[in-house]
Amino acid sequence: MNYDITLDRIANCYYNLGLERAKLRDLSGAAELLKKSLLFNKYQIDARNLLGLIFFECGETADALTQWVISNNLMSENNIADYYLEEIQRKPAILRICTDNVNRYNQALIYAQSNNEDLAIMQLNQVIQDSPNYVKAHILLSLLYMKREQWVKAGRSLYKVLKIDRNNPKALVLMDEVKQRTGRKEVEQSKLRNAFSHRKMTDDDVIVPQEVKEVSPWMVVFYILSGVVLSLFTFNLLILPAKTRALNASNNQELISYTDKLDLANREIKDLNEQYSTLEKQYQEAALQIQQFQNANESFMGQYRALTQINQAYDSGDIVLAAQLYTGLNPSQIVDDNLLSQYQSIKHIMESSVYQELAKKATDAWNAGDQQNAGELYLLSVTIREDPENMFLLARLYQSMGRSDDANTLFDKIIGSYPDSSYAEKARSIRGY
């Protein structure tokens, strides 16, 4: 039990040191301390969340998400990592840009290894334009500039890295090389020597007596370490719990507010969807009724026009046109009582007299040698009313026109439908029955 408490305290100390480094923008140093904290206690949630923030600040979004997901799995309640994950999920463009930048960085690395420096630099500039804090891209770009001896451009890239992570070891080494190449290092060393150089003593200077005992370097180190330990103990005992409670309370309040807003928005969306569904159903029903009304109205008007045209043609003496319009009607579609009464009146006229008049016109046309017109008139006559005599005459006309199949069809129909008529006997004689 005491062993576990000791590990927790060590992990907390490393976390506190990492937090102080992070506040000073020493992100590399902070990351190393936080990793040590997690090595002693993987459940140090604050250390893991802060490590994720450092990764995210340096452009390593995938590593940041990994830390936050692990943190959320280890502690699902009252964990600020859940807020970080929701913020990123709420902005999918961030993930898309980060993924594209990783792919472009890898492509630039391949170009650099293949000595395609121009393409690599172009890719890295695009990456930095989208993700200005991508440390790895800045360092690779500075290496390419150094290879091409473009020391000023390399220095600018490294300066941006050190603004993000002031003690980045790779950037510090490369910046030292850039300063040597540009002569900047000698200038800085000269300024440093001037700052710490001893001036010539005057009579007013105080000389420290020789008997004063100097403190050894080891004692200085001991005093510094003692002060650090005491400061860490005080911070961990007094200040950190209060800050942690305040931060947790703030995060909880923000999470509650965000959840309430999300629930309210979901309820509003649900109500709007229900209203939309109701209105859509009402619209569909109304549209169907309108369509049915329009179809019924169009059918009524069409039937009315057809019956009126039949009457007008018959009254004007054009019984052929009247018969043609009549045979084109579909009686089953007439449902209006007034139109049905009008149709019955026209039907009576057609079946009582018009069909005979058409047959007479057909006979006259046949005698005049106009077989085509005669066939059309006979066909109209038998369509209005099947009369065995007119059917027989039409069949004989078909024979004379060379339409034997049509003629035989009519002969067979006369024999089957009107077996007792005199024309049935004639039809059997012609057919050879």
Protein backbone atom coordinates (compact mmCIF):
# COMPACT_ATOMS: atom_id res chain seq x y z
CA MET A 1 0.00 0.00 0.00
CA ASN A 2 2.80 2.42 0.89
CA TYR A 3 4.57 1.42 -2.33
CA ASP A 4 1.52 2.47 -4.41
CA ILE A 5 1.25 5.77 -2.57
CA THR A 6 4.93 6.45 -3.25
CA LEU A 7 4.48 5.77 -6.96
CA ASP A 8 1.48 8.09 -7.07
CA ARG A 9 3.48 10.85 -5.41
CA ILE A 10 6.38 10.42 -7.83
CA ALA A 11 3.93 10.49 -10.75
CA ASN A 12 2.33 13.65 -9.37
CA CYS A 13 5.73 15.30 -8.96
CA TYR A 14 6.64 14.56 -12.56
CA TYR A 15 3.26 15.89 -13.66
CA ASN A 16 3.80 19.13 -11.73
CA LEU A 17 7.28 19.54 -13.20
CA GLY A 18 5.87 18.87 -16.68
CA LEU A 19 3.12 21.42 -16.09
CA GLU A 20 5.69 24.07 -15.17
CA ARG A 21 7.75 23.24 -18.25
CA ALA A 22 4.65 23.47 -20.44
CA LYS A 23 3.84 26.93 -19.02
CA LEU A 24 7.35 28.01 -20.06
CA ARG A 25 6.76 26.63 -23.61
CA ASP A 26 9.35 23.91 -23.05
CA LEU A 27 7.08 21.38 -24.69
CA SER A 28 9.74 18.75 -25.37
CA GLY A 29 10.90 18.78 -21.76
CA ALA A 30 7.31 18.78 -20.52
CA ALA A 31 6.45 15.79 -22.73
CA GLU A 32 9.38 13.76 -21.34
CA LEU A 33 8.37 14.52 -17.74
CA LEU A 34 4.73 13.65 -18.43
CA LYS A 35 5.75 10.34 -20.02
CA LYS A 36 7.73 9.54 -16.86
CA SER A 37 4.68 10.43 -14.79
CA LEU A 38 2.59 7.95 -16.79
CA LEU A 39 5.35 5.37 -16.43
CA PHE A 40 4.91 5.47 -12.65
CA ASN A 41 1.10 5.77 -12.80
CA LYS A 42 -0.77 5.19 -16.04
CA TYR A 43 -3.96 6.42 -14.35
CA GLN A 44 -2.53 9.94 -13.93
CA ILE A 45 -5.31 11.46 -16.04
CA ASP A 46 -4.12 15.05 -15.78
CA ALA A 47 -0.68 14.06 -17.08
CA ARG A 48 -2.18 12.12 -19.98
CA ASN A 49 -4.54 14.94 -20.95
CA LEU A 50 -1.74 17.51 -20.79
CA LEU A 51 0.48 15.24 -22.90
CA GLY A 52 -2.31 15.12 -25.49
CA LEU A 53 -2.49 18.91 -25.51
CA ILE A 54 1.28 19.13 -26.07
CA PHE A 55 1.06 16.69 -28.98
CA PHE A 56 -1.82 18.68 -30.45
CA GLU A 57 0.10 21.95 -30.07
CA CYS A 58 3.06 20.42 -31.95
CA GLY A 59 0.82 19.28 -34.80
CA GLU A 60 0.76 15.58 -33.78
CA THR A 61 -3.04 15.28 -33.81
CA ALA A 62 -3.08 11.48 -34.05
CA ASP A 63 -0.90 11.12 -30.94
CA ALA A 64 -3.08 13.65 -29.10
CA LEU A 65 -6.26 11.74 -29.96
CA THR A 66 -4.64 8.51 -28.79
CA GLN A 67 -3.86 9.98 -25.36
CA TRP A 68 -7.34 11.46 -24.97
CA VAL A 69 -9.09 8.26 -26.01
CA ILE A 70 -7.02 6.25 -23.50
CA SER A 71 -7.75 8.87 -20.84
CA ASN A 72 -11.48 8.74 -21.57
CA ASN A 73 -11.47 4.95 -21.35
CA LEU A 74 -9.63 4.99 -18.02
CA MET A 75 -12.00 7.59 -16.55
CA SER A 76 -15.22 8.22 -18.47
CA GLU A 77 -16.83 10.66 -16.00
CA ASN A 78 -15.73 14.23 -15.29
CA ASN A 79 -12.86 13.94 -17.73
CA ILE A 80 -11.92 16.98 -19.81
CA ALA A 81 -10.56 14.64 -22.49
CA ASP A 82 -14.16 13.98 -23.48
CA TYR A 83 -14.54 17.71 -24.18
CA TYR A 84 -11.40 17.74 -26.32
CA LEU A 85 -12.64 14.77 -28.35
CA GLU A 86 -16.08 16.31 -28.85
CA GLU A 87 -14.55 19.59 -30.00
CA ILE A 88 -12.51 17.78 -32.66
CA GLN A 89 -15.44 15.60 -33.72
CA ARG A 90 -17.61 18.71 -33.96
CA LYS A 91 -15.11 20.12 -36.47
CA PRO A 92 -14.42 17.26 -38.93
CA ALA A 93 -12.40 19.64 -41.10
CA ILE A 94 -9.64 19.53 -38.45
CA LEU A 95 -9.24 15.78 -38.80
CA ARG A 96 -9.31 16.00 -42.59
CA ILE A 97 -6.64 18.71 -42.66
CA CYS A 98 -4.45 16.83 -40.18
CA THR A 99 -4.74 13.62 -42.19
CA ASP A 100 -3.90 15.42 -45.41
CA ASN A 101 -0.92 17.11 -43.74
CA VAL A 102 0.46 13.80 -42.44
CA ASN A 103 0.18 12.31 -45.93
CA ARG A 104 1.85 15.34 -47.47
CA TYR A 105 4.61 15.29 -44.84
CA ASN A 106 5.29 11.61 -45.57
CA GLN A 107 5.35 12.37 -49.29
CA ALA A 108 7.76 15.25 -48.69
CA LEU A 109 9.98 12.89 -46.69
CA ILE A 110 10.01 10.47 -49.64
CA TYR A 111 10.88 13.33 -52.00
CA ALA A 112 13.72 14.43 -49.68
CA GLN A 113 15.14 10.90 -49.54
CA SER A 114 14.96 10.75 -53.35
CA ASN A 115 16.82 14.09 -53.69
CA ASN A 116 13.71 15.81 -55.06
CA GLU A 117 14.26 18.82 -52.85
CA ASP A 118 12.04 21.25 -54.77
CA LEU A 119 8.99 18.97 -54.52
CA ALA A 120 9.71 18.27 -50.85
CA ILE A 121 9.94 21.99 -50.03
CA MET A 122 6.73 22.71 -51.92
CA GLN A 123 4.89 19.94 -50.02
CA LEU A 124 6.21 21.13 -46.66
CA ASN A 125 5.20 24.74 -47.33
CA GLN A 126 1.67 23.55 -48.03
CA VAL A 127 1.69 21.56 -44.78
CA ILE A 128 2.92 24.54 -42.75
CA GLN A 129 0.38 26.81 -44.38
CA ASP A 130 -2.45 24.55 -43.14
CA SER A 131 -0.79 23.61 -39.81
CA PRO A 132 1.61 26.38 -38.69
CA ASN A 133 2.49 24.45 -35.49
CA TYR A 134 3.58 21.22 -37.21
CA VAL A 135 7.05 21.02 -35.63
CA LYS A 136 8.28 18.03 -37.63
CA ALA A 137 7.48 19.81 -40.91
CA HIS A 138 9.41 22.94 -39.84
CA ILE A 139 12.46 20.87 -38.85
CA LEU A 140 12.48 18.88 -42.11
CA LEU A 141 12.08 22.11 -44.09
CA SER A 142 15.01 23.69 -42.24
CA LEU A 143 17.16 20.61 -43.03
CA LEU A 144 16.36 20.97 -46.72
CA TYR A 145 17.24 24.68 -46.62
CA MET A 146 20.50 23.86 -44.84
CA LYS A 147 21.34 21.28 -47.48
CA ARG A 148 20.89 23.97 -50.11
CA GLU A 149 22.89 26.40 -47.93
CA GLN A 150 19.93 28.73 -47.60
CA TRP A 151 20.85 29.50 -44.00
CA VAL A 152 18.53 32.47 -43.48
CA LYS A 153 15.45 30.50 -44.53
CA ALA A 154 16.55 27.58 -42.37
CA GLY A 155 16.96 29.94 -39.41
CA ARG A 156 13.45 31.30 -39.91
CA SER A 157 11.96 27.79 -39.83
CA LEU A 158 13.93 26.89 -36.71
CA TYR A 159 12.92 30.15 -35.06
CA LYS A 160 9.25 29.21 -35.57
CA VAL A 161 9.93 25.82 -33.98
CA LEU A 162 11.56 27.42 -30.95
CA LYS A 163 8.63 29.80 -30.56
CA ILE A 164 6.39 26.73 -30.29
CA ASP A 165 8.82 24.56 -28.29
CA ARG A 166 11.61 26.71 -26.88
CA ASN A 167 13.88 23.78 -25.88
CA ASN A 168 13.31 21.44 -28.80
CA PRO A 169 16.63 19.53 -28.90
CA LYS A 170 16.72 19.04 -32.67
CA ALA A 171 15.91 22.67 -33.32
CA LEU A 172 18.56 23.85 -30.86
CA VAL A 173 21.29 21.74 -32.51
CA LEU A 174 20.31 22.88 -35.99
CA MET A 175 19.99 26.52 -34.90
CA ASP A 176 23.53 26.36 -33.48
CA GLU A 177 24.78 25.17 -36.88
CA VAL A 178 22.84 27.94 -38.66
CA LYS A 179 24.29 30.57 -36.33
CA GLN A 180 27.82 29.35 -37.01
CA ARG A 181 27.24 29.49 -40.75
CA THR A 182 25.77 32.98 -40.63
CA GLY A 183 28.26 34.35 -38.06
CA ARG A 184 25.49 34.97 -35.59
CA LYS A 185 27.05 32.73 -32.96
CA GLU A 186 30.23 34.81 -32.73
CA VAL A 187 28.18 37.97 -32.27
CA GLU A 188 26.18 36.40 -29.43
CA GLN A 189 29.32 35.04 -27.75
CA SER A 190 30.94 38.46 -27.97
CA LYS A 191 27.93 40.06 -26.32
CA LEU A 192 28.01 37.39 -23.62
CA ARG A 193 31.72 37.97 -22.90
CA ASN A 194 31.17 41.70 -22.64
CA ALA A 195 28.29 41.19 -20.24
CA PHE A 196 30.33 39.03 -17.85
CA SER A 197 33.81 40.52 -18.31
CA HIS A 198 35.50 42.15 -15.22
CA ARG A 199 36.28 45.81 -15.46
CA LYS A 200 39.45 47.29 -14.03
CA MET A 201 39.21 47.81 -10.27
CA THR A 202 39.28 51.28 -8.79
CA ASP A 203 40.02 52.54 -5.31
CA ASP A 204 36.32 52.62 -4.45
CA ASP A 205 35.87 48.91 -5.09
CA VAL A 206 35.38 46.71 -2.05
CA ILE A 207 37.72 43.76 -1.77
CA VAL A 208 36.22 40.67 -0.19
CA PRO A 209 38.45 39.49 2.66
CA GLN A 210 40.24 36.21 2.06
CA GLU A 211 38.96 34.65 5.25
CA VAL A 212 35.37 34.63 4.00
CA LYS A 213 34.49 31.00 3.37
CA GLU A 214 33.14 30.24 -0.09
CA VAL A 215 30.22 27.88 -0.53
CA SER A 216 31.09 24.72 -2.47
CA PRO A 217 29.28 23.87 -5.72
CA TRP A 218 27.81 20.75 -4.14
CA MET A 219 26.22 22.81 -1.41
CA VAL A 220 24.74 25.15 -4.01
CA VAL A 221 23.24 22.17 -5.79
CA PHE A 222 21.91 20.84 -2.49
CA TYR A 223 20.31 24.17 -1.62
CA ILE A 224 18.70 24.44 -5.05
CA LEU A 225 17.32 20.89 -4.90
CA SER A 226 16.01 21.45 -1.39
CA GLY A 227 14.22 24.58 -2.52
CA VAL A 228 12.73 22.78 -5.53
CA VAL A 229 11.50 19.87 -3.37
CA LEU A 230 10.00 22.25 -0.82
CA SER A 231 8.31 24.28 -3.55
CA LEU A 232 6.90 21.14 -5.15
CA PHE A 233 5.65 19.88 -1.80
CA THR A 234 3.95 23.20 -1.05
CA PHE A 235 2.45 23.40 -4.52
CA ASN A 236 1.20 19.82 -4.41
CA LEU A 237 -0.21 20.17 -0.91
CA LEU A 238 -1.85 23.57 -1.06
CA ILE A 239 -2.15 25.09 -4.50
CA LEU A 240 -2.68 22.12 -6.84
CA PRO A 241 -5.80 20.64 -5.15
CA ALA A 242 -7.57 24.00 -5.21
CA LYS A 243 -6.66 24.57 -8.86
CA THR A 244 -7.71 21.05 -9.75
CA ARG A 245 -11.07 21.42 -8.04
CA ALA A 246 -11.68 24.78 -9.70
CA LEU A 247 -10.73 23.38 -13.11
CA ASN A 248 -12.93 20.32 -12.66
CA ALA A 249 -15.87 22.46 -11.54
CA SER A 250 -15.45 24.74 -14.54
CA ASN A 251 -15.19 21.81 -16.93
CA ASN A 252 -18.22 20.13 -15.38
CA GLN A 253 -20.26 23.31 -15.69
CA GLU A 254 -19.25 23.72 -19.33
CA LEU A 255 -20.08 20.09 -20.04
CA ILE A 256 -23.51 20.41 -18.39
CA SER A 257 -24.23 23.58 -20.36
CA TYR A 258 -23.10 21.97 -23.60
CA THR A 259 -25.22 18.86 -22.90
CA ASP A 260 -28.33 20.95 -22.13
CA LYS A 261 -27.90 22.90 -25.36
CA LEU A 262 -27.43 19.67 -27.30
CA ASP A 263 -30.58 18.12 -25.77
CA LEU A 264 -32.59 21.25 -26.53
CA ALA A 265 -31.34 21.26 -30.13
CA ASN A 266 -32.19 17.56 -30.52
CA ARG A 267 -35.72 18.13 -29.20
CA GLU A 268 -36.22 21.04 -31.57
CA ILE A 269 -34.96 18.96 -34.49
CA LYS A 270 -37.31 16.12 -33.51
CA ASP A 271 -40.31 18.49 -33.31
CA LEU A 272 -39.43 20.04 -36.67
CA ASN A 273 -39.10 16.60 -38.25
CA GLU A 274 -42.51 15.60 -36.90
CA GLN A 275 -44.08 18.81 -38.18
CA TYR A 276 -42.41 18.30 -41.54
CA SER A 277 -43.73 14.71 -41.74
CA THR A 278 -47.28 15.87 -40.91
CA LEU A 279 -47.16 18.69 -43.48
CA GLU A 280 -45.64 16.36 -46.08
CA LYS A 281 -48.48 13.84 -45.54
CA GLN A 282 -51.12 16.58 -45.78
CA TYR A 283 -49.48 17.90 -48.93
CA GLN A 284 -49.45 14.44 -50.53
CA GLU A 285 -53.13 13.90 -49.69
CA ALA A 286 -54.10 17.31 -51.05
CA ALA A 287 -52.04 16.77 -54.20
CA LEU A 288 -53.73 13.38 -54.74
CA GLN A 289 -57.19 14.91 -54.33
CA ILE A 290 -56.35 17.71 -56.74
CA GLN A 291 -55.00 15.22 -59.27
CA GLN A 292 -58.11 13.05 -58.97
CA PHE A 293 -60.32 16.10 -59.38
CA GLN A 294 -58.35 17.25 -62.41
CA ASN A 295 -58.51 13.78 -63.98
CA ALA A 296 -62.25 13.53 -63.33
CA ASN A 297 -62.81 17.02 -64.71
CA GLU A 298 -60.72 16.32 -67.80
CA SER A 299 -62.57 13.04 -68.37
CA PHE A 300 -65.95 14.77 -67.99
CA MET A 301 -65.01 17.57 -70.37
CA GLY A 302 -63.63 15.10 -72.91
CA GLN A 303 -66.79 13.02 -72.84
CA TYR A 304 -68.97 16.10 -73.06
CA ARG A 305 -67.04 17.43 -76.07
CA ALA A 306 -67.21 14.04 -77.82
CA LEU A 307 -70.99 13.68 -77.35
CA THR A 308 -71.54 17.27 -78.46
CA GLN A 309 -69.44 16.72 -81.60
CA ILE A 310 -71.45 13.56 -82.41
CA ASN A 311 -74.72 15.44 -82.14
CA GLN A 312 -73.41 18.34 -84.22
CA ALA A 313 -72.14 15.99 -86.95
CA TYR A 314 -75.41 14.06 -87.02
CA ASP A 315 -77.53 17.24 -87.10
CA SER A 316 -75.43 18.57 -89.98
CA GLY A 317 -75.99 15.31 -91.93
CA ASP A 318 -72.42 14.03 -91.66
CA ILE A 319 -73.35 10.58 -90.40
CA VAL A 320 -69.90 9.18 -91.28
CA LEU A 321 -68.14 11.59 -88.91
CA ALA A 322 -70.83 11.01 -86.29
CA ALA A 323 -70.29 7.23 -86.56
CA GLN A 324 -66.52 7.58 -86.35
CA LEU A 325 -66.76 9.70 -83.19
CA TYR A 326 -69.31 7.31 -81.69
CA THR A 327 -67.18 4.21 -82.22
CA GLY A 328 -64.25 6.02 -80.57
CA LEU A 329 -66.11 6.44 -77.28
CA ASN A 330 -65.55 4.22 -74.24
CA PRO A 331 -69.01 3.89 -72.60
CA SER A 332 -67.56 2.37 -69.40
CA GLN A 333 -65.89 5.69 -68.57
CA ILE A 334 -69.15 7.68 -68.69
CA VAL A 335 -70.40 7.92 -65.10
CA ASP A 336 -72.20 11.26 -65.09
CA ASP A 337 -75.99 10.75 -65.28
CA ASN A 338 -76.61 13.60 -67.71
CA LEU A 339 -73.85 12.46 -70.06
CA LEU A 340 -74.99 8.84 -69.76
CA SER A 341 -78.55 9.83 -70.76
CA GLN A 342 -77.20 11.77 -73.74
CA TYR A 343 -75.06 8.78 -74.75
CA GLN A 344 -78.04 6.40 -74.58
CA SER A 345 -80.01 8.69 -76.89
CA ILE A 346 -77.14 8.77 -79.41
CA LYS A 347 -76.73 5.00 -79.17
CA HIS A 348 -80.38 4.44 -79.99
CA ILE A 349 -80.09 6.58 -83.10
CA MET A 350 -76.90 4.85 -84.22
CA GLU A 351 -78.19 1.31 -83.74
CA SER A 352 -81.65 1.99 -85.18
CA SER A 353 -80.93 3.90 -88.37
CA VAL A 354 -77.37 5.19 -88.82
CA TYR A 355 -75.84 1.75 -89.28
CA GLN A 356 -78.23 1.02 -92.16
CA GLU A 357 -77.50 4.35 -93.79
CA LEU A 358 -73.79 3.59 -93.58
CA ALA A 359 -74.34 0.17 -95.17
CA LYS A 360 -76.30 1.80 -98.01
CA LYS A 361 -73.49 4.33 -98.60
CA ALA A 362 -71.02 1.45 -98.59
CA THR A 363 -73.03 -0.45 -101.22
CA ASP A 364 -73.25 2.64 -103.42
CA ALA A 365 -69.48 3.16 -103.14
CA TRP A 366 -68.87 -0.51 -104.03
CA ASN A 367 -71.06 -0.26 -107.08
CA ALA A 368 -69.16 2.90 -108.04
CA GLY A 369 -65.89 0.94 -107.83
CA ASP A 370 -64.59 2.60 -104.65
CA GLN A 371 -63.86 -0.59 -102.69
CA GLN A 372 -61.65 1.11 -100.11
CA ASN A 373 -64.35 3.59 -99.04
CA ALA A 374 -66.96 0.86 -99.15
CA GLY A 375 -64.93 -1.33 -96.79
CA GLU A 376 -64.53 1.51 -94.30
CA LEU A 377 -68.26 2.28 -94.34
CA TYR A 378 -69.25 -1.40 -93.95
CA LEU A 379 -66.81 -1.71 -91.06
CA LEU A 380 -68.33 1.33 -89.32
CA SER A 381 -71.79 -0.15 -89.82
CA VAL A 382 -70.97 -3.57 -88.30
CA THR A 383 -69.01 -1.89 -85.49
CA ILE A 384 -72.12 0.05 -84.48
CA ARG A 385 -74.36 -2.99 -84.82
CA GLU A 386 -73.51 -6.50 -85.94
CA ASP A 387 -75.97 -7.25 -88.70
CA PRO A 388 -75.41 -10.59 -90.53
CA GLU A 389 -76.33 -9.08 -93.89
CA ASN A 390 -73.82 -6.22 -93.61
CA MET A 391 -71.20 -8.58 -92.23
CA PHE A 392 -71.74 -10.90 -95.21
CA LEU A 393 -71.45 -7.98 -97.66
CA LEU A 394 -68.21 -6.84 -95.98
CA ALA A 395 -66.81 -10.38 -96.17
CA ARG A 396 -67.65 -10.58 -99.89
CA LEU A 397 -66.00 -7.18 -100.40
CA TYR A 398 -62.87 -8.49 -98.65
CA GLN A 399 -62.88 -11.48 -101.03
CA SER A 400 -62.98 -9.25 -104.04
CA MET A 401 -60.14 -7.15 -102.57
CA GLY A 402 -58.00 -10.27 -102.05
CA ARG A 403 -58.25 -10.17 -98.25
CA SER A 404 -59.20 -13.80 -97.86
CA ASP A 405 -58.22 -14.15 -94.20
CA ASP A 406 -60.38 -11.18 -93.15
CA ALA A 407 -63.25 -12.53 -95.25
CA ASN A 408 -63.03 -16.02 -93.76
CA THR A 409 -62.96 -14.54 -90.24
CA LEU A 410 -66.25 -12.74 -90.93
CA PHE A 411 -67.82 -15.85 -92.54
CA ASP A 412 -66.92 -17.91 -89.48
CA LYS A 413 -68.33 -15.28 -87.15
CA ILE A 414 -71.64 -15.23 -89.10
CA ILE A 415 -71.82 -19.01 -88.89
CA GLY A 416 -71.07 -19.04 -85.14
CA SER A 417 -73.09 -16.02 -84.01
CA TYR A 418 -76.07 -16.19 -86.40
CA PRO A 419 -76.44 -19.89 -87.37
CA ASP A 420 -80.15 -19.65 -88.19
CA SER A 421 -79.89 -16.74 -90.62
CA SER A 422 -79.91 -17.18 -94.37
CA TYR A 423 -76.48 -15.55 -94.52
CA ALA A 424 -75.06 -18.25 -92.27
CA GLU A 425 -76.07 -20.86 -94.87
CA LYS A 426 -74.41 -18.79 -97.60
CA ALA A 427 -71.28 -18.41 -95.52
CA ARG A 428 -71.10 -22.21 -94.96
CA SER A 429 -71.49 -22.81 -98.67
CA ILE A 430 -68.63 -20.41 -99.43
CA ARG A 431 -66.43 -21.90 -96.72
CA GLY A 432 -67.27 -25.45 -97.92
CA TYR A 433 -68.74 -26.68 -94.62
